[in-house]
PDB file of N, CA and C in Angstrom:
ATOM      1  N   UNK A   1      13.854  -8.590  10.025  1.00  0.00           N
ATOM      2  CA  UNK A   1      15.163  -7.488   9.336  1.00  0.00           C
ATOM      3  C   UNK A   1      15.003  -6.249  10.101  1.00  0.00           C
ATOM      4  N   UNK A   2      15.574  -5.670  10.164  1.00  0.00           N
ATOM      5  CA  UNK A   2      15.824  -3.880  10.044  1.00  0.00           C
ATOM      6  C   UNK A   2      16.318  -3.529   8.442  1.00  0.00           C
ATOM      7  N   UNK A   3      16.099  -2.159   8.627  1.00  0.00           N
ATOM      8  CA  UNK A   3      17.142  -1.548   6.833  1.00  0.00           C
ATOM      9  C   UNK A   3      18.676  -1.561   6.941  1.00  0.00           C
ATOM     10  N   UNK A   4      18.794  -1.140   7.789  1.00  0.00           N
ATOM     11  CA  UNK A   4      20.417  -1.663   8.478  1.00  0.00           C
ATOM     12  C   UNK A   4      21.065  -3.329   8.344  1.00  0.00           C
ATOM     13  N   UNK A   5      20.361  -3.672   8.691  1.00  0.00           N
ATOM     14  CA  UNK A   5      20.372  -5.140   7.871  1.00  0.00           C
ATOM     15  C   UNK A   5      20.258  -5.399   7.006  1.00  0.00           C
ATOM     16  N   UNK A   6      19.112  -5.334   6.468  1.00  0.00           N
ATOM     17  CA  UNK A   6      19.646  -5.346   5.101  1.00  0.00           C
ATOM     18  C   UNK A   6      20.433  -4.862   4.274  1.00  0.00           C
ATOM     19  N   UNK A   7      20.532  -3.564   4.721  1.00  0.00           N
ATOM     20  CA  UNK A   7      21.205  -2.646   3.907  1.00  0.00           C
ATOM     21  C   UNK A   7      22.934  -3.313   4.091  1.00  0.00           C
ATOM     22  N   UNK A   8      23.442  -3.687   4.943  1.00  0.00           N
ATOM     23  CA  UNK A   8      24.468  -4.676   5.062  1.00  0.00           C
ATOM     24  C   UNK A   8      24.460  -5.726   4.126  1.00  0.00           C
ATOM     25  N   UNK A   9      23.857  -6.864   4.460  1.00  0.00           N
ATOM     26  CA  UNK A   9      23.304  -7.304   3.227  1.00  0.00           C
ATOM     27  C   UNK A   9      22.838  -7.307   1.791  1.00  0.00           C
ATOM     28  N   UNK A  10      23.362  -6.357   1.413  1.00  0.00           N
ATOM     29  CA  UNK A  10      23.393  -5.741   0.199  1.00  0.00           C
ATOM     30  C   UNK A  10      22.630  -5.428  -0.618  1.00  0.00           C
ATOM     31  N   UNK A  11      20.759  -5.619   0.644  1.00  0.00           N
ATOM     32  CA  UNK A  11      20.056  -5.211  -0.203  1.00  0.00           C
ATOM     33  C   UNK A  11      19.559  -3.614  -0.473  1.00  0.00           C
ATOM     34  N   UNK A  12      19.141  -3.105  -1.670  1.00  0.00           N
ATOM     35  CA  UNK A  12      18.958  -2.104  -2.524  1.00  0.00           C
ATOM     36  C   UNK A  12      18.174  -1.970  -2.522  1.00  0.00           C
ATOM     37  N   UNK A  13      18.048  -0.426  -2.278  1.00  0.00           N
ATOM     38  CA  UNK A  13      15.697   0.566  -2.460  1.00  0.00           C
ATOM     39  C   UNK A  13      15.921  -0.017  -4.191  1.00  0.00           C
ATOM     40  N   UNK A  14      14.540  -0.712  -4.203  1.00  0.00           N
ATOM     41  CA  UNK A  14      14.102  -0.973  -5.773  1.00  0.00           C
ATOM     42  C   UNK A  14      13.232  -0.571  -6.067  1.00  0.00           C
ATOM     43  N   UNK A  15      13.608   0.602  -6.904  1.00  0.00           N
ATOM     44  CA  UNK A  15      11.919   1.068  -7.385  1.00  0.00           C
ATOM     45  C   UNK A  15      11.800   0.373  -9.282  1.00  0.00           C
ATOM     46  N   UNK A  16      10.560  -0.017  -8.689  1.00  0.00           N
ATOM     47  CA  UNK A  16       9.642  -0.894  -9.780  1.00  0.00           C
ATOM     48  C   UNK A  16       7.977   0.282 -10.581  1.00  0.00           C
ATOM     49  N   UNK A  17       8.436   0.190 -12.162  1.00  0.00           N
ATOM     50  CA  UNK A  17       7.769   1.115 -12.258  1.00  0.00           C
ATOM     51  C   UNK A  17       7.218  -0.128 -13.562  1.00  0.00           C
ATOM     52  N   UNK A  18       5.444  -0.643 -12.801  1.00  0.00           N
ATOM     53  CA  UNK A  18       4.867  -1.741 -13.668  1.00  0.00           C
ATOM     54  C   UNK A  18       4.365  -1.669 -14.718  1.00  0.00           C
ATOM     55  N   UNK A  19       3.807  -1.710 -16.610  1.00  0.00           N
ATOM     56  CA  UNK A  19       3.008  -0.978 -16.741  1.00  0.00           C
ATOM     57  C   UNK A  19       2.235  -2.547 -16.841  1.00  0.00           C
ATOM     58  N   UNK A  20       0.842  -2.093 -16.858  1.00  0.00           N
ATOM     59  CA  UNK A  20      -0.200  -3.384 -17.282  1.00  0.00           C
ATOM     60  C   UNK A  20      -1.975  -3.195 -18.227  1.00  0.00           C
ATOM     61  N   UNK A  21      -2.147  -4.153 -18.006  1.00  0.00           N
ATOM     62  CA  UNK A  21      -3.120  -3.815 -19.406  1.00  0.00           C
ATOM     63  C   UNK A  21      -4.181  -3.680 -18.139  1.00  0.00           C
ATOM     64  N   UNK A  22      -5.038  -2.727 -18.489  1.00  0.00           N
ATOM     65  CA  UNK A  22      -6.421  -2.381 -17.550  1.00  0.00           C
ATOM     66  C   UNK A  22      -7.138  -3.663 -17.686  1.00  0.00           C
ATOM     67  N   UNK A  23      -8.009  -4.634 -17.495  1.00  0.00           N
ATOM     68  CA  UNK A  23      -8.305  -5.708 -17.333  1.00  0.00           C
ATOM     69  C   UNK A  23      -9.480  -5.188 -18.382  1.00  0.00           C
ATOM     70  N   UNK A  24     -10.310  -4.037 -18.007  1.00  0.00           N
ATOM     71  CA  UNK A  24     -12.480  -4.156 -18.955  1.00  0.00           C
ATOM     72  C   UNK A  24     -11.992  -3.181 -20.308  1.00  0.00           C
ATOM     73  N   UNK A  25     -10.203  -2.618 -19.782  1.00  0.00           N
ATOM     74  CA  UNK A  25     -10.035  -2.137 -21.716  1.00  0.00           C
ATOM     75  C   UNK A  25      -8.614  -2.649 -21.944  1.00  0.00           C
ATOM     76  N   UNK A  26      -8.256  -3.346 -22.263  1.00  0.00           N
ATOM     77  CA  UNK A  26      -7.274  -4.271 -22.823  1.00  0.00           C
ATOM     78  C   UNK A  26      -6.115  -3.456 -23.546  1.00  0.00           C
ATOM     79  N   UNK A  27      -7.178  -2.300 -23.940  1.00  0.00           N
ATOM     80  CA  UNK A  27      -5.482  -1.886 -24.685  1.00  0.00           C
ATOM     81  C   UNK A  27      -4.806  -0.280 -24.472  1.00  0.00           C
ATOM     82  N   UNK A  28      -5.630  -0.341 -23.102  1.00  0.00           N
ATOM     83  CA  UNK A  28      -5.526   1.026 -22.414  1.00  0.00           C
ATOM     84  C   UNK A  28      -4.586   0.356 -21.215  1.00  0.00           C
ATOM     85  N   UNK A  29      -3.475   1.543 -21.129  1.00  0.00           N
ATOM     86  CA  UNK A  29      -2.099   0.442 -20.162  1.00  0.00           C
ATOM     87  C   UNK A  29      -2.242   1.692 -18.789  1.00  0.00           C
ATOM     88  N   UNK A  30      -1.751   0.734 -18.015  1.00  0.00           N
ATOM     89  CA  UNK A  30      -2.480   1.780 -16.699  1.00  0.00           C
ATOM     90  C   UNK A  30      -0.665   1.270 -15.710  1.00  0.00           C
ATOM     91  N   UNK A  31      -0.480   2.392 -15.031  1.00  0.00           N
ATOM     92  CA  UNK A  31       1.232   2.388 -14.306  1.00  0.00           C
ATOM     93  C   UNK A  31       1.028   1.977 -12.695  1.00  0.00           C
ATOM     94  N   UNK A  32       2.047   1.137 -12.283  1.00  0.00           N
ATOM     95  CA  UNK A  32       1.562   0.561 -10.621  1.00  0.00           C
ATOM     96  C   UNK A  32       3.045   1.022 -10.674  1.00  0.00           C
ATOM     97  N   UNK A  33       3.618   1.814  -9.186  1.00  0.00           N
ATOM     98  CA  UNK A  33       4.782   2.037  -8.562  1.00  0.00           C
ATOM     99  C   UNK A  33       5.572   0.716  -7.478  1.00  0.00           C
ATOM    100  N   UNK A  34       5.840   0.440  -7.648  1.00  0.00           N
ATOM    101  CA  UNK A  34       6.405  -0.622  -6.512  1.00  0.00           C
ATOM    102  C   UNK A  34       8.195  -0.348  -5.847  1.00  0.00           C
ATOM    103  N   UNK A  35       8.302  -0.912  -4.320  1.00  0.00           N
ATOM    104  CA  UNK A  35       9.466   0.044  -3.728  1.00  0.00           C
ATOM    105  C   UNK A  35       9.911  -0.911  -2.508  1.00  0.00           C
ATOM    106  N   UNK A  36      10.873  -2.254  -2.975  1.00  0.00           N
ATOM    107  CA  UNK A  36      11.013  -2.494  -2.014  1.00  0.00           C
ATOM    108  C   UNK A  36      12.861  -2.524  -1.798  1.00  0.00           C
ATOM    109  N   UNK A  37      12.992  -3.159  -0.319  1.00  0.00           N
ATOM    110  CA  UNK A  37      14.278  -3.451  -1.049  1.00  0.00           C
ATOM    111  C   UNK A  37      14.668  -5.096  -1.511  1.00  0.00           C
ATOM    112  N   UNK A  38      15.660  -4.489  -2.080  1.00  0.00           N
ATOM    113  CA  UNK A  38      15.570  -6.340  -2.732  1.00  0.00           C
ATOM    114  C   UNK A  38      17.040  -6.341  -2.891  1.00  0.00           C
ATOM    115  N   UNK A  39      17.607  -7.914  -3.497  1.00  0.00           N
ATOM    116  CA  UNK A  39      18.847  -7.794  -3.760  1.00  0.00           C
ATOM    117  C   UNK A  39      19.433  -7.805  -5.594  1.00  0.00           C
ATOM    118  N   UNK A  40      20.194  -6.977  -6.380  1.00  0.00           N
ATOM    119  CA  UNK A  40      20.308  -7.089  -7.091  1.00  0.00           C
ATOM    120  C   UNK A  40      21.252  -7.938  -7.713  1.00  0.00           C
ATOM    121  N   UNK A  41      22.188  -8.598  -8.979  1.00  0.00           N
ATOM    122  CA  UNK A  41      21.127  -8.013  -9.678  1.00  0.00           C
ATOM    123  C   UNK A  41      19.954  -9.326 -10.599  1.00  0.00           C
ATOM    124  N   UNK A  42      19.363 -10.373  -9.218  1.00  0.00           N
ATOM    125  CA  UNK A  42      18.413 -11.347  -9.351  1.00  0.00           C
ATOM    126  C   UNK A  42      16.711 -10.833  -8.859  1.00  0.00           C
ATOM    127  N   UNK A  43      16.861  -9.894  -8.398  1.00  0.00           N
ATOM    128  CA  UNK A  43      15.702  -9.127  -7.464  1.00  0.00           C
ATOM    129  C   UNK A  43      14.657 -10.115  -7.043  1.00  0.00           C
ATOM    130  N   UNK A  44      15.429 -10.908  -6.601  1.00  0.00           N
ATOM    131  CA  UNK A  44      14.053 -12.285  -5.845  1.00  0.00           C
ATOM    132  C   UNK A  44      12.831 -11.605  -5.173  1.00  0.00           C
ATOM    133  N   UNK A  45      12.938 -10.000  -4.556  1.00  0.00           N
ATOM    134  CA  UNK A  45      11.461 -10.152  -4.319  1.00  0.00           C
ATOM    135  C   UNK A  45      10.484  -9.128  -5.157  1.00  0.00           C
ATOM    136  N   UNK A  46      11.535  -8.924  -6.203  1.00  0.00           N
ATOM    137  CA  UNK A  46      10.390  -8.361  -6.958  1.00  0.00           C
ATOM    138  C   UNK A  46       9.650  -9.393  -8.330  1.00  0.00           C
ATOM    139  N   UNK A  47      10.813 -10.620  -8.106  1.00  0.00           N
ATOM    140  CA  UNK A  47      10.150 -11.444  -8.781  1.00  0.00           C
ATOM    141  C   UNK A  47       8.697 -12.433  -8.169  1.00  0.00           C
ATOM    142  N   UNK A  48       9.310 -12.253  -6.848  1.00  0.00           N
ATOM    143  CA  UNK A  48       7.776 -12.571  -6.224  1.00  0.00           C
ATOM    144  C   UNK A  48       6.641 -11.937  -6.203  1.00  0.00           C
ATOM    145  N   UNK A  49       6.911 -10.661  -6.437  1.00  0.00           N
ATOM    146  CA  UNK A  49       5.648 -10.156  -6.420  1.00  0.00           C
ATOM    147  C   UNK A  49       5.051 -10.053  -7.865  1.00  0.00           C
ATOM    148  N   UNK A  50       5.541 -10.924  -8.915  1.00  0.00           N
ATOM    149  CA  UNK A  50       5.229 -10.309 -10.102  1.00  0.00           C
ATOM    150  C   UNK A  50       4.817 -11.945 -10.937  1.00  0.00           C
ATOM    151  N   UNK A  51       4.845 -13.000  -9.485  1.00  0.00           N
ATOM    152  CA  UNK A  51       4.943 -13.759  -9.820  1.00  0.00           C
ATOM    153  C   UNK A  51       3.288 -14.304  -9.167  1.00  0.00           C
ATOM    154  N   UNK A  52       3.540 -13.028  -8.392  1.00  0.00           N
ATOM    155  CA  UNK A  52       1.375 -13.121  -7.208  1.00  0.00           C
ATOM    156  C   UNK A  52       1.009 -13.093  -8.462  1.00  0.00           C
ATOM    157  N   UNK A  53       1.273 -11.011  -9.000  1.00  0.00           N
ATOM    158  CA  UNK A  53       0.894 -10.685 -10.237  1.00  0.00           C
ATOM    159  C   UNK A  53       0.332 -11.393 -10.716  1.00  0.00           C
ATOM    160  N   UNK A  54       1.356 -12.416 -11.852  1.00  0.00           N
ATOM    161  CA  UNK A  54       0.442 -13.069 -12.856  1.00  0.00           C
ATOM    162  C   UNK A  54      -0.397 -14.094 -12.356  1.00  0.00           C
ATOM    163  N   UNK A  55      -0.565 -14.872 -10.889  1.00  0.00           N
ATOM    164  CA  UNK A  55      -1.811 -15.732 -10.407  1.00  0.00           C
ATOM    165  C   UNK A  55      -2.814 -15.290  -9.685  1.00  0.00           C
ATOM    166  N   UNK A  56      -2.351 -14.002  -9.741  1.00  0.00           N
ATOM    167  CA  UNK A  56      -4.184 -13.435  -8.206  1.00  0.00           C
ATOM    168  C   UNK A  56      -4.760 -11.791  -9.093  1.00  0.00           C
ATOM    169  N   UNK A  57      -3.732 -11.695 -10.618  1.00  0.00           N
ATOM    170  CA  UNK A  57      -4.566 -10.152 -10.454  1.00  0.00           C
ATOM    171  C   UNK A  57      -4.773 -10.332 -11.972  1.00  0.00           C
ATOM    172  N   UNK A  58      -6.432  -9.645 -11.984  1.00  0.00           N
ATOM    173  CA  UNK A  58      -7.050  -9.984 -13.521  1.00  0.00           C
ATOM    174  C   UNK A  58      -5.324  -8.823 -14.894  1.00  0.00           C
ATOM    175  N   UNK A  59      -4.834  -7.903 -14.824  1.00  0.00           N
ATOM    176  CA  UNK A  59      -4.629  -6.664 -15.237  1.00  0.00           C
ATOM    177  C   UNK A  59      -3.144  -7.675 -15.943  1.00  0.00           C
ATOM    178  N   UNK A  60      -2.928  -8.486 -17.305  1.00  0.00           N
ATOM    179  CA  UNK A  60      -2.008  -8.666 -17.923  1.00  0.00           C
ATOM    180  C   UNK A  60      -0.912  -7.877 -17.598  1.00  0.00           C
ATOM    181  N   UNK A  61       0.233  -7.955 -17.331  1.00  0.00           N
ATOM    182  CA  UNK A  61       1.582  -7.578 -18.009  1.00  0.00           C
ATOM    183  C   UNK A  61       2.462  -6.633 -19.031  1.00  0.00           C
ATOM    184  N   UNK A  62       2.107  -6.150 -18.776  1.00  0.00           N
ATOM    185  CA  UNK A  62       2.910  -5.024 -20.357  1.00  0.00           C
ATOM    186  C   UNK A  62       4.336  -4.995 -20.247  1.00  0.00           C
ATOM    187  N   UNK A  63       4.932  -4.412 -19.337  1.00  0.00           N
ATOM    188  CA  UNK A  63       6.126  -3.469 -18.539  1.00  0.00           C
ATOM    189  C   UNK A  63       6.644  -3.794 -17.419  1.00  0.00           C
ATOM    190  N   UNK A  64       8.099  -3.893 -17.424  1.00  0.00           N
ATOM    191  CA  UNK A  64       8.638  -3.310 -16.306  1.00  0.00           C
ATOM    192  C   UNK A  64      10.055  -2.479 -16.419  1.00  0.00           C
ATOM    193  N   UNK A  65      10.303  -1.347 -15.647  1.00  0.00           N
ATOM    194  CA  UNK A  65      11.076  -1.069 -16.048  1.00  0.00           C
ATOM    195  C   UNK A  65      11.482  -0.675 -14.157  1.00  0.00           C
ATOM    196  N   UNK A  66      13.046  -1.133 -14.359  1.00  0.00           N
ATOM    197  CA  UNK A  66      13.486  -1.055 -12.519  1.00  0.00           C
ATOM    198  C   UNK A  66      15.127  -0.093 -12.050  1.00  0.00           C
ATOM    199  N   UNK A  67      14.710   0.381 -11.387  1.00  0.00           N
ATOM    200  CA  UNK A  67      16.028   1.237 -11.079  1.00  0.00           C
ATOM    201  C   UNK A  67      16.225   0.783  -9.374  1.00  0.00           C
ATOM    202  N   UNK A  68      17.533   0.484  -9.427  1.00  0.00           N
ATOM    203  CA  UNK A  68      17.747   0.419  -8.249  1.00  0.00           C
ATOM    204  C   UNK A  68      18.883   1.303  -6.807  1.00  0.00           C
ATOM    205  N   UNK A  69      19.571   1.505  -6.282  1.00  0.00           N
ATOM    206  CA  UNK A  69      20.828   2.357  -5.943  1.00  0.00           C
ATOM    207  C   UNK A  69      21.133   1.319  -4.104  1.00  0.00           C
ATOM    208  N   UNK A  70      22.583   1.354  -4.320  1.00  0.00           N
ATOM    209  CA  UNK A  70      22.996   0.571  -2.983  1.00  0.00           C
ATOM    210  C   UNK A  70      23.027   1.831  -2.363  1.00  0.00           C
ATOM    211  N   UNK A  71      22.664   1.729  -0.747  1.00  0.00           N
ATOM    212  CA  UNK A  71      21.933   3.127   0.341  1.00  0.00           C
ATOM    213  C   UNK A  71      23.255   3.013   0.829  1.00  0.00           C
ATOM    214  N   UNK A  72      23.917   2.255   1.468  1.00  0.00           N
ATOM    215  CA  UNK A  72      25.765   2.366   2.062  1.00  0.00           C
ATOM    216  C   UNK A  72      26.854   2.072   0.599  1.00  0.00           C
ATOM    217  N   UNK A  73      27.031   3.317   0.501  1.00  0.00           N
ATOM    218  CA  UNK A  73      28.444   3.748   0.240  1.00  0.00           C
ATOM    219  C   UNK A  73      29.327   4.516   1.126  1.00  0.00           C
ATOM    220  N   UNK A  74      30.655   3.717   0.203  1.00  0.00           N
ATOM    221  CA  UNK A  74      31.914   3.952   0.667  1.00  0.00           C
ATOM    222  C   UNK A  74      32.251   5.918   1.200  1.00  0.00           C
ATOM    223  N   UNK A  75      32.799   6.064   1.998  1.00  0.00           N
ATOM    224  CA  UNK A  75      32.732   7.434   2.030  1.00  0.00           C
ATOM    225  C   UNK A  75      33.329   8.107   1.139  1.00  0.00           C
ATOM    226  N   UNK A  76      32.855   9.286   1.086  1.00  0.00           N
ATOM    227  CA  UNK A  76      33.515  10.192  -0.546  1.00  0.00           C
ATOM    228  C   UNK A  76      35.479  11.254   0.156  1.00  0.00           C
ATOM    229  N   UNK A  77      36.366  11.050  -0.944  1.00  0.00           N
ATOM    230  CA  UNK A  77      36.735  11.921   0.090  1.00  0.00           C
ATOM    231  C   UNK A  77      36.981  13.460  -0.687  1.00  0.00           C
ATOM    232  N   UNK A  78      37.281  14.569   0.286  1.00  0.00           N
ATOM    233  CA  UNK A  78      36.921  16.226  -0.633  1.00  0.00           C
ATOM    234  C   UNK A  78      38.354  16.817   0.216  1.00  0.00           C
ATOM    235  N   UNK A  79      38.295  17.106  -1.056  1.00  0.00           N
ATOM    236  CA  UNK A  79      39.994  18.221  -0.663  1.00  0.00           C
ATOM    237  C   UNK A  79      39.393  19.625  -0.064  1.00  0.00           C
ATOM    238  N   UNK A  80      40.173  19.844   0.842  1.00  0.00           N
ATOM    239  CA  UNK A  80      39.888  21.122   1.098  1.00  0.00           C
ATOM    240  C   UNK A  80      40.999  22.192   0.179  1.00  0.00           C
ATOM    241  N   UNK A  81      39.713  23.147  -0.162  1.00  0.00           N
ATOM    242  CA  UNK A  81      40.878  25.075  -0.755  1.00  0.00           C
ATOM    243  C   UNK A  81      41.425  25.808   0.071  1.00  0.00           C
ATOM    244  N   UNK A  82      40.923  25.443   0.985  1.00  0.00           N
ATOM    245  CA  UNK A  82      41.345  26.727   2.215  1.00  0.00           C
ATOM    246  C   UNK A  82      40.960  25.989   3.250  1.00  0.00           C
ATOM    247  N   UNK A  83      41.133  27.138   4.023  1.00  0.00           N
ATOM    248  CA  UNK A  83      41.161  26.925   5.654  1.00  0.00           C
ATOM    249  C   UNK A  83      41.081  28.220   6.272  1.00  0.00           C
ATOM    250  N   UNK A  84      39.943  28.610   7.108  1.00  0.00           N
ATOM    251  CA  UNK A  84      40.119  30.064   7.962  1.00  0.00           C
ATOM    252  C   UNK A  84      39.663  29.483   8.985  1.00  0.00           C
ATOM    253  N   UNK A  85      40.692  31.246   9.742  1.00  0.00           N
ATOM    254  CA  UNK A  85      39.955  30.970  11.513  1.00  0.00           C
ATOM    255  C   UNK A  85      39.155  32.384  11.461  1.00  0.00           C
ATOM    256  N   UNK A  86      38.581  31.743  12.412  1.00  0.00           N
ATOM    257  CA  UNK A  86      37.071  33.167  12.687  1.00  0.00           C
ATOM    258  C   UNK A  86      37.494  33.222  14.580  1.00  0.00           C
ATOM    259  N   UNK A  87      37.901  34.436  14.904  1.00  0.00           N
ATOM    260  CA  UNK A  87      38.260  35.302  15.985  1.00  0.00           C
ATOM    261  C   UNK A  87      36.952  34.630  17.020  1.00  0.00           C
TER     262      UNK A  87
END
């Protein structure tokens, strides 16, 4: 599926900062940035990735912060304050 088709289906560019415990030193936290098109508010793509993480990667998850924004928005209307003519 192309990016435009995903956007028309209300997918949004989603960024997640995943903090996890470093496998060799569990008291240390490491940061991982994940970015993909996903559906808010359920985030099925992110949930699938986190399920994969928990079952296949040694670093235990600490926290996940999510930011998302719709890429297709209605056009904004701006009023014109002045009109100029150039000869």
